[in-house]
Amino acid sequence: MFDVKVPPYGFARITLAFWGYVAVALGITLVVHELGVPTNLAVYVFIEVGALLFPVFLPLFRRLMPGGKGGE
């Protein structure tokens, strides 16, 4: 029906890496929240931490992406 250039398998590792990225960002946010950041600002802290961690995780995401640059 549709021409799919990337097979629909092989995404388990990148999915786990993404959830690890979210868990690290959430963990840092929770620690900062426990250190005194108000709850209403914790969402902004989470977004900022995620933005700061993204360049660290980007090479891993690229390496694990099936059919992408550096993929299998």
PDB file of N, CA and C in Angstrom:
ATOM      1  N   MET A   1       0.819  -1.175   0.000  1.00  0.00           N
ATOM      2  CA  MET A   1       0.000   0.000   0.000  1.00  0.00           C
ATOM      3  C   MET A   1       0.877   1.257   0.000  1.00  0.00           C
ATOM      4  N   PHE A   2       1.789   1.372   0.974  1.00  0.00           N
ATOM      5  CA  PHE A   2       2.680   2.515   1.061  1.00  0.00           C
ATOM      6  C   PHE A   2       4.117   2.041   0.898  1.00  0.00           C
ATOM      7  N   ASP A   3       4.926   2.832   0.254  1.00  0.00           N
ATOM      8  CA  ASP A   3       6.337   2.512   0.092  1.00  0.00           C
ATOM      9  C   ASP A   3       7.074   2.948   1.354  1.00  0.00           C
ATOM     10  N   VAL A   4       7.505   1.966   2.150  1.00  0.00           N
ATOM     11  CA  VAL A   4       8.210   2.242   3.395  1.00  0.00           C
ATOM     12  C   VAL A   4       9.684   1.932   3.182  1.00  0.00           C
ATOM     13  N   LYS A   5      10.536   2.950   3.341  1.00  0.00           N
ATOM     14  CA  LYS A   5      11.964   2.757   3.089  1.00  0.00           C
ATOM     15  C   LYS A   5      12.698   2.230   4.314  1.00  0.00           C
ATOM     16  N   VAL A   6      12.153   2.451   5.496  1.00  0.00           N
ATOM     17  CA  VAL A   6      12.778   1.982   6.727  1.00  0.00           C
ATOM     18  C   VAL A   6      11.902   0.874   7.300  1.00  0.00           C
ATOM     19  N   PRO A   7      12.500  -0.271   7.603  1.00  0.00           N
ATOM     20  CA  PRO A   7      11.686  -1.361   8.153  1.00  0.00           C
ATOM     21  C   PRO A   7      11.122  -0.981   9.521  1.00  0.00           C
ATOM     22  N   PRO A   8       9.950  -1.523   9.874  1.00  0.00           N
ATOM     23  CA  PRO A   8       9.302  -1.153  11.134  1.00  0.00           C
ATOM     24  C   PRO A   8       9.870  -1.887  12.350  1.00  0.00           C
ATOM     25  N   TYR A   9      11.030  -2.460  12.244  1.00  0.00           N
ATOM     26  CA  TYR A   9      11.631  -3.152  13.372  1.00  0.00           C
ATOM     27  C   TYR A   9      12.976  -2.505  13.697  1.00  0.00           C
ATOM     28  N   GLY A  10      13.499  -2.798  14.850  1.00  0.00           N
ATOM     29  CA  GLY A  10      14.791  -2.259  15.238  1.00  0.00           C
ATOM     30  C   GLY A  10      14.718  -0.986  16.064  1.00  0.00           C
ATOM     31  N   PHE A  11      13.530  -0.623  16.517  1.00  0.00           N
ATOM     32  CA  PHE A  11      13.380   0.612  17.269  1.00  0.00           C
ATOM     33  C   PHE A  11      13.421   0.401  18.786  1.00  0.00           C
ATOM     34  N   ALA A  12      13.607  -0.816  19.243  1.00  0.00           N
ATOM     35  CA  ALA A  12      13.584  -1.087  20.685  1.00  0.00           C
ATOM     36  C   ALA A  12      14.736  -0.377  21.393  1.00  0.00           C
ATOM     37  N   ARG A  13      15.929  -0.421  20.808  1.00  0.00           N
ATOM     38  CA  ARG A  13      17.082   0.207  21.474  1.00  0.00           C
ATOM     39  C   ARG A  13      16.952   1.717  21.537  1.00  0.00           C
ATOM     40  N   ILE A  14      16.499   2.348  20.474  1.00  0.00           N
ATOM     41  CA  ILE A  14      16.361   3.804  20.502  1.00  0.00           C
ATOM     42  C   ILE A  14      15.215   4.220  21.424  1.00  0.00           C
ATOM     43  N   THR A  15      14.183   3.391  21.517  1.00  0.00           N
ATOM     44  CA  THR A  15      13.093   3.684  22.440  1.00  0.00           C
ATOM     45  C   THR A  15      13.588   3.621  23.876  1.00  0.00           C
ATOM     46  N   LEU A  16      14.384   2.617  24.198  1.00  0.00           N
ATOM     47  CA  LEU A  16      14.958   2.526  25.536  1.00  0.00           C
ATOM     48  C   LEU A  16      15.902   3.696  25.817  1.00  0.00           C
ATOM     49  N   ALA A  17      16.674   4.102  24.816  1.00  0.00           N
ATOM     50  CA  ALA A  17      17.566   5.252  24.990  1.00  0.00           C
ATOM     51  C   ALA A  17      16.763   6.525  25.235  1.00  0.00           C
ATOM     52  N   PHE A  18      15.655   6.694  24.517  1.00  0.00           N
ATOM     53  CA  PHE A  18      14.815   7.870  24.719  1.00  0.00           C
ATOM     54  C   PHE A  18      14.233   7.894  26.126  1.00  0.00           C
ATOM     55  N   TRP A  19      13.720   6.739  26.599  1.00  0.00           N
ATOM     56  CA  TRP A  19      13.151   6.701  27.947  1.00  0.00           C
ATOM     57  C   TRP A  19      14.236   6.898  28.996  1.00  0.00           C
ATOM     58  N   GLY A  20      15.450   6.462  28.710  1.00  0.00           N
ATOM     59  CA  GLY A  20      16.568   6.754  29.608  1.00  0.00           C
ATOM     60  C   GLY A  20      16.864   8.239  29.664  1.00  0.00           C
ATOM     61  N   TYR A  21      16.802   8.898  28.509  1.00  0.00           N
ATOM     62  CA  TYR A  21      16.980  10.350  28.419  1.00  0.00           C
ATOM     63  C   TYR A  21      15.918  11.075  29.242  1.00  0.00           C
ATOM     64  N   VAL A  22      14.673  10.648  29.108  1.00  0.00           N
ATOM     65  CA  VAL A  22      13.586  11.250  29.884  1.00  0.00           C
ATOM     66  C   VAL A  22      13.784  10.983  31.377  1.00  0.00           C
ATOM     67  N   ALA A  23      14.212   9.777  31.735  1.00  0.00           N
ATOM     68  CA  ALA A  23      14.417   9.435  33.142  1.00  0.00           C
ATOM     69  C   ALA A  23      15.543  10.270  33.755  1.00  0.00           C
ATOM     70  N   VAL A  24      16.618  10.490  33.013  1.00  0.00           N
ATOM     71  CA  VAL A  24      17.715  11.317  33.524  1.00  0.00           C
ATOM     72  C   VAL A  24      17.244  12.757  33.719  1.00  0.00           C
ATOM     73  N   ALA A  25      16.534  13.296  32.731  1.00  0.00           N
ATOM     74  CA  ALA A  25      16.019  14.667  32.847  1.00  0.00           C
ATOM     75  C   ALA A  25      15.041  14.772  34.011  1.00  0.00           C
ATOM     76  N   LEU A  26      14.176  13.791  34.176  1.00  0.00           N
ATOM     77  CA  LEU A  26      13.214  13.808  35.274  1.00  0.00           C
ATOM     78  C   LEU A  26      13.918  13.668  36.620  1.00  0.00           C
ATOM     79  N   GLY A  27      14.922  12.809  36.683  1.00  0.00           N
ATOM     80  CA  GLY A  27      15.667  12.639  37.926  1.00  0.00           C
ATOM     81  C   GLY A  27      16.368  13.913  38.358  1.00  0.00           C
ATOM     82  N   ILE A  28      17.016  14.588  37.416  1.00  0.00           N
ATOM     83  CA  ILE A  28      17.675  15.856  37.732  1.00  0.00           C
ATOM     84  C   ILE A  28      16.644  16.890  38.169  1.00  0.00           C
ATOM     85  N   THR A  29      15.511  16.915  37.490  1.00  0.00           N
ATOM     86  CA  THR A  29      14.450  17.859  37.855  1.00  0.00           C
ATOM     87  C   THR A  29      13.931  17.585  39.267  1.00  0.00           C
ATOM     88  N   LEU A  30      13.749  16.322  39.615  1.00  0.00           N
ATOM     89  CA  LEU A  30      13.270  15.983  40.958  1.00  0.00           C
ATOM     90  C   LEU A  30      14.284  16.375  42.033  1.00  0.00           C
ATOM     91  N   VAL A  31      15.564  16.190  41.740  1.00  0.00           N
ATOM     92  CA  VAL A  31      16.596  16.596  42.698  1.00  0.00           C
ATOM     93  C   VAL A  31      16.578  18.110  42.880  1.00  0.00           C
ATOM     94  N   VAL A  32      16.479  18.844  41.772  1.00  0.00           N
ATOM     95  CA  VAL A  32      16.431  20.308  41.854  1.00  0.00           C
ATOM     96  C   VAL A  32      15.166  20.747  42.591  1.00  0.00           C
ATOM     97  N   HIS A  33      14.072  20.060  42.357  1.00  0.00           N
ATOM     98  CA  HIS A  33      12.824  20.375  43.058  1.00  0.00           C
ATOM     99  C   HIS A  33      12.966  20.149  44.564  1.00  0.00           C
ATOM    100  N   GLU A  34      13.618  19.065  44.947  1.00  0.00           N
ATOM    101  CA  GLU A  34      13.849  18.785  46.366  1.00  0.00           C
ATOM    102  C   GLU A  34      14.780  19.813  47.000  1.00  0.00           C
ATOM    103  N   LEU A  35      15.633  20.437  46.190  1.00  0.00           N
ATOM    104  CA  LEU A  35      16.544  21.457  46.709  1.00  0.00           C
ATOM    105  C   LEU A  35      15.870  22.815  46.860  1.00  0.00           C
ATOM    106  N   GLY A  36      14.597  22.919  46.454  1.00  0.00           N
ATOM    107  CA  GLY A  36      13.892  24.150  46.747  1.00  0.00           C
ATOM    108  C   GLY A  36      13.204  24.855  45.601  1.00  0.00           C
ATOM    109  N   VAL A  37      13.251  24.312  44.399  1.00  0.00           N
ATOM    110  CA  VAL A  37      12.552  24.948  43.282  1.00  0.00           C
ATOM    111  C   VAL A  37      11.051  24.713  43.458  1.00  0.00           C
ATOM    112  N   PRO A  38      10.233  25.758  43.345  1.00  0.00           N
ATOM    113  CA  PRO A  38       8.785  25.578  43.499  1.00  0.00           C
ATOM    114  C   PRO A  38       8.208  24.642  42.428  1.00  0.00           C
ATOM    115  N   THR A  39       7.110  24.027  42.758  1.00  0.00           N
ATOM    116  CA  THR A  39       6.476  23.055  41.864  1.00  0.00           C
ATOM    117  C   THR A  39       6.081  23.671  40.535  1.00  0.00           C
ATOM    118  N   ASN A  40       5.576  24.902  40.551  1.00  0.00           N
ATOM    119  CA  ASN A  40       5.145  25.505  39.292  1.00  0.00           C
ATOM    120  C   ASN A  40       6.322  25.817  38.367  1.00  0.00           C
ATOM    121  N   LEU A  41       7.539  25.907  38.890  1.00  0.00           N
ATOM    122  CA  LEU A  41       8.710  26.129  38.045  1.00  0.00           C
ATOM    123  C   LEU A  41       9.395  24.830  37.636  1.00  0.00           C
ATOM    124  N   ALA A  42       8.998  23.720  38.251  1.00  0.00           N
ATOM    125  CA  ALA A  42       9.648  22.444  37.963  1.00  0.00           C
ATOM    126  C   ALA A  42       9.449  22.016  36.510  1.00  0.00           C
ATOM    127  N   VAL A  43       8.329  22.367  35.921  1.00  0.00           N
ATOM    128  CA  VAL A  43       8.091  22.028  34.510  1.00  0.00           C
ATOM    129  C   VAL A  43       9.101  22.745  33.621  1.00  0.00           C
ATOM    130  N   TYR A  44       9.360  24.007  33.917  1.00  0.00           N
ATOM    131  CA  TYR A  44      10.340  24.764  33.136  1.00  0.00           C
ATOM    132  C   TYR A  44      11.750  24.226  33.350  1.00  0.00           C
ATOM    133  N   VAL A  45      12.026  23.783  34.570  1.00  0.00           N
ATOM    134  CA  VAL A  45      13.328  23.169  34.848  1.00  0.00           C
ATOM    135  C   VAL A  45      13.472  21.880  34.043  1.00  0.00           C
ATOM    136  N   PHE A  46      12.419  21.078  33.985  1.00  0.00           N
ATOM    137  CA  PHE A  46      12.451  19.831  33.209  1.00  0.00           C
ATOM    138  C   PHE A  46      12.729  20.114  31.734  1.00  0.00           C
ATOM    139  N   ILE A  47      12.070  21.113  31.188  1.00  0.00           N
ATOM    140  CA  ILE A  47      12.284  21.464  29.780  1.00  0.00           C
ATOM    141  C   ILE A  47      13.721  21.947  29.556  1.00  0.00           C
ATOM    142  N   GLU A  48      14.215  22.761  30.462  1.00  0.00           N
ATOM    143  CA  GLU A  48      15.580  23.269  30.338  1.00  0.00           C
ATOM    144  C   GLU A  48      16.619  22.159  30.472  1.00  0.00           C
ATOM    145  N   VAL A  49      16.410  21.278  31.433  1.00  0.00           N
ATOM    146  CA  VAL A  49      17.329  20.141  31.600  1.00  0.00           C
ATOM    147  C   VAL A  49      17.298  19.257  30.361  1.00  0.00           C
ATOM    148  N   GLY A  50      16.105  19.019  29.825  1.00  0.00           N
ATOM    149  CA  GLY A  50      15.995  18.232  28.598  1.00  0.00           C
ATOM    150  C   GLY A  50      16.721  18.882  27.436  1.00  0.00           C
ATOM    151  N   ALA A  51      16.623  20.201  27.330  1.00  0.00           N
ATOM    152  CA  ALA A  51      17.311  20.919  26.258  1.00  0.00           C
ATOM    153  C   ALA A  51      18.827  20.863  26.439  1.00  0.00           C
ATOM    154  N   LEU A  52      19.284  20.932  27.677  1.00  0.00           N
ATOM    155  CA  LEU A  52      20.724  20.874  27.932  1.00  0.00           C
ATOM    156  C   LEU A  52      21.291  19.473  27.734  1.00  0.00           C
ATOM    157  N   LEU A  53      20.488  18.448  27.992  1.00  0.00           N
ATOM    158  CA  LEU A  53      20.949  17.068  27.818  1.00  0.00           C
ATOM    159  C   LEU A  53      20.848  16.584  26.371  1.00  0.00           C
ATOM    160  N   PHE A  54      20.055  17.253  25.564  1.00  0.00           N
ATOM    161  CA  PHE A  54      19.831  16.771  24.200  1.00  0.00           C
ATOM    162  C   PHE A  54      21.122  16.642  23.385  1.00  0.00           C
ATOM    163  N   PRO A  55      22.028  17.628  23.412  1.00  0.00           N
ATOM    164  CA  PRO A  55      23.271  17.441  22.643  1.00  0.00           C
ATOM    165  C   PRO A  55      24.115  16.265  23.129  1.00  0.00           C
ATOM    166  N   VAL A  56      23.975  15.898  24.391  1.00  0.00           N
ATOM    167  CA  VAL A  56      24.714  14.755  24.920  1.00  0.00           C
ATOM    168  C   VAL A  56      24.138  13.448  24.373  1.00  0.00           C
ATOM    169  N   PHE A  57      22.823  13.371  24.271  1.00  0.00           N
ATOM    170  CA  PHE A  57      22.164  12.145  23.827  1.00  0.00           C
ATOM    171  C   PHE A  57      22.022  12.047  22.305  1.00  0.00           C
ATOM    172  N   LEU A  58      22.166  13.138  21.590  1.00  0.00           N
ATOM    173  CA  LEU A  58      21.952  13.131  20.143  1.00  0.00           C
ATOM    174  C   LEU A  58      22.845  12.131  19.401  1.00  0.00           C
ATOM    175  N   PRO A  59      24.155  12.049  19.690  1.00  0.00           N
ATOM    176  CA  PRO A  59      24.960  11.029  18.992  1.00  0.00           C
ATOM    177  C   PRO A  59      24.479   9.603  19.262  1.00  0.00           C
ATOM    178  N   LEU A  60      24.018   9.350  20.474  1.00  0.00           N
ATOM    179  CA  LEU A  60      23.486   8.021  20.795  1.00  0.00           C
ATOM    180  C   LEU A  60      22.218   7.744  19.998  1.00  0.00           C
ATOM    181  N   PHE A  61      21.327   8.737  19.925  1.00  0.00           N
ATOM    182  CA  PHE A  61      20.103   8.557  19.144  1.00  0.00           C
ATOM    183  C   PHE A  61      20.422   8.300  17.677  1.00  0.00           C
ATOM    184  N   ARG A  62      21.365   9.038  17.133  1.00  0.00           N
ATOM    185  CA  ARG A  62      21.734   8.851  15.719  1.00  0.00           C
ATOM    186  C   ARG A  62      22.334   7.482  15.477  1.00  0.00           C
ATOM    187  N   ARG A  63      23.157   7.018  16.426  1.00  0.00           N
ATOM    188  CA  ARG A  63      23.792   5.706  16.263  1.00  0.00           C
ATOM    189  C   ARG A  63      22.767   4.578  16.352  1.00  0.00           C
ATOM    190  N   LEU A  64      21.761   4.727  17.188  1.00  0.00           N
ATOM    191  CA  LEU A  64      20.790   3.652  17.404  1.00  0.00           C
ATOM    192  C   LEU A  64      19.625   3.686  16.414  1.00  0.00           C
ATOM    193  N   MET A  65      19.449   4.762  15.679  1.00  0.00           N
ATOM    194  CA  MET A  65      18.328   4.893  14.756  1.00  0.00           C
ATOM    195  C   MET A  65      18.485   3.914  13.580  1.00  0.00           C
ATOM    196  N   PRO A  66      17.558   2.989  13.406  1.00  0.00           N
ATOM    197  CA  PRO A  66      17.673   2.056  12.286  1.00  0.00           C
ATOM    198  C   PRO A  66      17.504   2.782  10.958  1.00  0.00           C
ATOM    199  N   GLY A  67      18.431   2.548  10.066  1.00  0.00           N
ATOM    200  CA  GLY A  67      18.348   3.144   8.737  1.00  0.00           C
ATOM    201  C   GLY A  67      18.786   4.590   8.675  1.00  0.00           C
ATOM    202  N   GLY A  68      19.166   5.181   9.795  1.00  0.00           N
ATOM    203  CA  GLY A  68      19.596   6.564   9.800  1.00  0.00           C
ATOM    204  C   GLY A  68      21.097   6.659   9.634  1.00  0.00           C
ATOM    205  N   LYS A  69      21.635   7.849   9.850  1.00  0.00           N
ATOM    206  CA  LYS A  69      23.085   8.034   9.770  1.00  0.00           C
ATOM    207  C   LYS A  69      23.748   7.206  10.865  1.00  0.00           C
ATOM    208  N   GLY A  70      24.678   6.394  10.484  1.00  0.00           N
ATOM    209  CA  GLY A  70      25.354   5.560  11.459  1.00  0.00           C
ATOM    210  C   GLY A  70      24.512   4.394  11.939  1.00  0.00           C
ATOM    211  N   GLY A  71      23.363   4.197  11.317  1.00  0.00           N
ATOM    212  CA  GLY A  71      22.471   3.114  11.730  1.00  0.00           C
ATOM    213  C   GLY A  71      22.920   1.782  11.193  1.00  0.00           C
ATOM    214  N   GLU A  72      22.085   0.792  11.399  1.00  0.00           N
ATOM    215  CA  GLU A  72      22.428  -0.579  11.002  1.00  0.00           C
ATOM    216  C   GLU A  72      22.286  -0.757   9.512  1.00  0.00           C
TER     217      GLU A  72
END
